[in-house]
Amino acid sequence: MSLQPAPSRHIVWQSVITVISAAILIGAEVFGAAFAGGWALAILLGLDDTGAHIIQGLLFLLGVAIMVAFIRNAQRIEPFRR
């Protein structure tokens, strides 16, 4: 039984840069909306600053989940390695 070396895989930098650039743009929108939405919901519900921060934190976590899903899907479309 002979062991053969694994085929060499290199990083496709153009795909990496494309996905990171899109993630920065989409992340700015998602997290900006999370903070503004949390502030607006707190005012709508008549909450104090602590309530606003809690809602913003929850929406921020939702934004993190959205960004993780985006990166995973983007890697399927634009593979980082070949």
Protein backbone atom coordinates (compact mmCIF):
# COMPACT_ATOMS: atom_id res chain seq x y z
CA MET A 1 0.00 0.00 0.00
CA SER A 2 1.62 3.23 -1.13
CA LEU A 3 0.67 6.65 0.15
CA GLN A 4 0.37 9.28 -2.52
CA PRO A 5 0.56 12.96 -1.64
CA ALA A 6 -2.69 14.87 -1.66
CA PRO A 7 -3.26 16.99 -4.74
CA SER A 8 -2.08 20.55 -4.31
CA ARG A 9 -4.92 23.00 -3.74
CA HIS A 10 -4.29 26.71 -4.02
CA ILE A 11 -6.31 29.67 -2.80
CA VAL A 12 -8.30 31.58 -5.42
CA TRP A 13 -7.69 35.10 -4.15
CA GLN A 14 -10.14 36.72 -6.55
CA SER A 15 -12.99 34.67 -5.04
CA VAL A 16 -11.83 35.41 -1.49
CA ILE A 17 -11.67 39.15 -2.15
CA THR A 18 -15.07 39.13 -3.88
CA VAL A 19 -16.79 37.35 -0.98
CA ILE A 20 -15.08 39.49 1.69
CA SER A 21 -15.99 42.70 -0.15
CA ALA A 22 -19.62 41.64 -0.46
CA ALA A 23 -19.65 40.57 3.22
CA ILE A 24 -18.38 44.01 4.29
CA LEU A 25 -21.08 45.77 2.27
CA ILE A 26 -23.90 43.49 3.37
CA GLY A 27 -22.62 43.41 6.97
CA ALA A 28 -22.73 47.20 7.18
CA GLU A 29 -26.35 47.15 6.05
CA VAL A 30 -27.38 44.24 8.30
CA PHE A 31 -25.77 45.57 11.47
CA GLY A 32 -26.85 49.15 10.78
CA ALA A 33 -30.42 47.93 10.39
CA ALA A 34 -30.09 45.89 13.61
CA PHE A 35 -29.08 48.90 15.67
CA ALA A 36 -31.56 51.31 14.06
CA GLY A 37 -34.34 48.73 14.23
CA GLY A 38 -33.64 48.01 17.89
CA TRP A 39 -33.74 51.70 18.70
CA ALA A 40 -36.98 52.17 16.74
CA LEU A 41 -38.65 49.13 18.32
CA ALA A 42 -37.67 50.31 21.80
CA ILE A 43 -39.28 53.69 21.18
CA LEU A 44 -42.36 52.04 19.67
CA LEU A 45 -42.70 49.74 22.68
CA GLY A 46 -41.94 52.52 25.19
CA LEU A 47 -38.78 50.84 26.56
CA ASP A 48 -35.89 52.56 28.31
CA ASP A 49 -32.24 52.50 27.24
CA THR A 50 -31.63 49.04 28.73
CA GLY A 51 -34.55 47.59 26.76
CA ALA A 52 -33.24 49.23 23.59
CA HIS A 53 -29.80 47.69 24.15
CA ILE A 54 -31.31 44.26 24.72
CA ILE A 55 -33.35 44.46 21.49
CA GLN A 56 -30.30 45.73 19.61
CA GLY A 57 -28.24 42.84 20.98
CA LEU A 58 -30.84 40.31 19.86
CA LEU A 59 -31.02 41.84 16.41
CA PHE A 60 -27.21 41.93 16.30
CA LEU A 61 -27.13 38.16 16.97
CA LEU A 62 -29.66 37.68 14.19
CA GLY A 63 -27.36 39.71 11.95
CA VAL A 64 -24.42 37.45 12.83
CA ALA A 65 -26.49 34.41 11.85
CA ILE A 66 -27.40 36.09 8.55
CA MET A 67 -23.75 36.88 7.82
CA VAL A 68 -22.62 33.33 8.60
CA ALA A 69 -25.27 31.98 6.22
CA PHE A 70 -24.20 34.47 3.57
CA ILE A 71 -20.52 33.49 3.80
CA ARG A 72 -21.36 29.77 3.63
CA ASN A 73 -23.55 30.23 0.57
CA ALA A 74 -21.01 32.52 -1.09
CA GLN A 75 -18.27 29.91 -0.63
CA ARG A 76 -20.41 27.39 -2.48
CA ILE A 77 -20.81 29.76 -5.42
CA GLU A 78 -17.27 31.23 -5.31
CA PRO A 79 -15.02 28.45 -3.97
CA PHE A 80 -11.95 29.66 -2.05
CA ARG A 81 -9.78 26.71 -3.11
CA ARG A 82 -9.20 24.83 -6.34
